[in-house]
Amino acid sequence: MKKKQIRKYLRHAEDYMEEIEVKMRCLDSTLFFVSLGMEYFHQTENCFEGNTVQFINDYLKAVRNVEIAGLHEALEKLKNV
């Protein structure tokens, strides 16, 4: 591949990463409100459904902080080559 094609491909990959991050933040906000609704619906803080939603929310945050950050680092390394 030519350098121009590689740069174009990396720009597209970076744009997709940004889209994924935006969607994950939106999903994070949605899950927060869903968990609040579950707690209100069940009138307890420790309902099974609310805890499940909170677990999924925590997992998404971990994915964003670890996996997405790793992908950003890989893209930066590729850009510098």
Protein backbone atom coordinates (compact mmCIF):
# COMPACT_ATOMS: atom_id res chain seq x y z
CA MET A 1 0.00 0.00 0.00
CA LYS A 2 1.14 3.52 -0.66
CA LYS A 3 1.67 5.98 2.18
CA LYS A 4 -1.28 8.05 1.00
CA GLN A 5 -3.59 5.04 1.15
CA ILE A 6 -2.29 4.05 4.57
CA ARG A 7 -2.85 7.56 5.95
CA LYS A 8 -6.36 7.57 4.53
CA TYR A 9 -7.06 4.19 6.09
CA LEU A 10 -5.72 5.36 9.47
CA ARG A 11 -7.88 8.51 9.34
CA HIS A 12 -10.95 6.37 8.68
CA ALA A 13 -9.99 4.04 11.54
CA GLU A 14 -9.60 7.02 13.84
CA ASP A 15 -13.00 8.38 12.78
CA TYR A 16 -14.61 5.00 13.50
CA MET A 17 -12.96 4.95 16.93
CA GLU A 18 -14.44 8.35 17.71
CA GLU A 19 -17.88 7.16 16.60
CA ILE A 20 -17.58 4.12 18.84
CA GLU A 21 -16.62 6.30 21.80
CA VAL A 22 -19.60 8.60 21.24
CA LYS A 23 -21.96 5.62 21.03
CA MET A 24 -20.46 4.13 24.19
CA ARG A 25 -20.94 7.40 26.07
CA CYS A 26 -24.57 7.55 24.92
CA LEU A 27 -25.08 3.95 26.00
CA ASP A 28 -23.46 4.76 29.34
CA SER A 29 -25.92 7.60 29.92
CA THR A 30 -28.86 5.47 28.86
CA LEU A 31 -27.88 2.65 31.20
CA PHE A 32 -27.55 5.12 34.07
CA PHE A 33 -31.13 6.26 33.64
CA VAL A 34 -32.38 2.70 33.13
CA SER A 35 -30.77 1.66 36.42
CA LEU A 36 -32.40 4.61 38.19
CA GLY A 37 -35.75 3.60 36.72
CA MET A 38 -35.26 0.00 37.85
CA GLU A 39 -34.49 1.15 41.38
CA TYR A 40 -37.57 3.37 41.40
CA PHE A 41 -39.77 0.61 39.94
CA HIS A 42 -38.65 -1.95 42.51
CA GLN A 43 -38.46 0.63 45.33
CA THR A 44 -35.13 -0.84 46.47
CA GLU A 45 -31.53 -0.01 45.67
CA ASN A 46 -30.47 -3.65 45.39
CA CYS A 47 -32.81 -5.13 42.81
CA PHE A 48 -31.44 -7.84 40.53
CA GLU A 49 -32.30 -6.04 37.29
CA GLY A 50 -30.78 -2.77 38.48
CA ASN A 51 -27.61 -4.55 39.54
CA THR A 52 -27.41 -6.28 36.15
CA VAL A 53 -27.72 -2.95 34.34
CA GLN A 54 -25.07 -1.46 36.62
CA PHE A 55 -22.76 -4.40 35.93
CA ILE A 56 -23.14 -3.89 32.18
CA ASN A 57 -22.47 -0.19 32.63
CA ASP A 58 -19.30 -0.90 34.61
CA TYR A 59 -18.16 -3.39 31.98
CA LEU A 60 -18.62 -0.82 29.20
CA LYS A 61 -16.59 1.71 31.17
CA ALA A 62 -13.81 -0.84 31.59
CA VAL A 63 -13.86 -1.63 27.87
CA ARG A 64 -13.70 2.06 27.06
CA ASN A 65 -10.85 2.72 29.48
CA VAL A 66 -8.74 -0.32 28.56
CA GLU A 67 -9.57 -1.62 25.10
CA ILE A 68 -10.38 1.66 23.37
CA ALA A 69 -7.34 3.33 24.93
CA GLY A 70 -5.18 0.46 23.65
CA LEU A 71 -6.60 0.89 20.16
CA HIS A 72 -5.84 4.61 20.27
CA GLU A 73 -2.25 3.85 21.24
CA ALA A 74 -1.93 1.37 18.38
CA LEU A 75 -3.28 3.94 15.92
CA GLU A 76 -0.81 6.55 17.18
CA LYS A 77 2.07 4.10 16.75
CA LEU A 78 0.94 3.31 13.22
CA LYS A 79 0.69 7.00 12.37
CA ASN A 80 4.27 7.57 13.47
CA VAL A 81 5.65 4.76 11.29
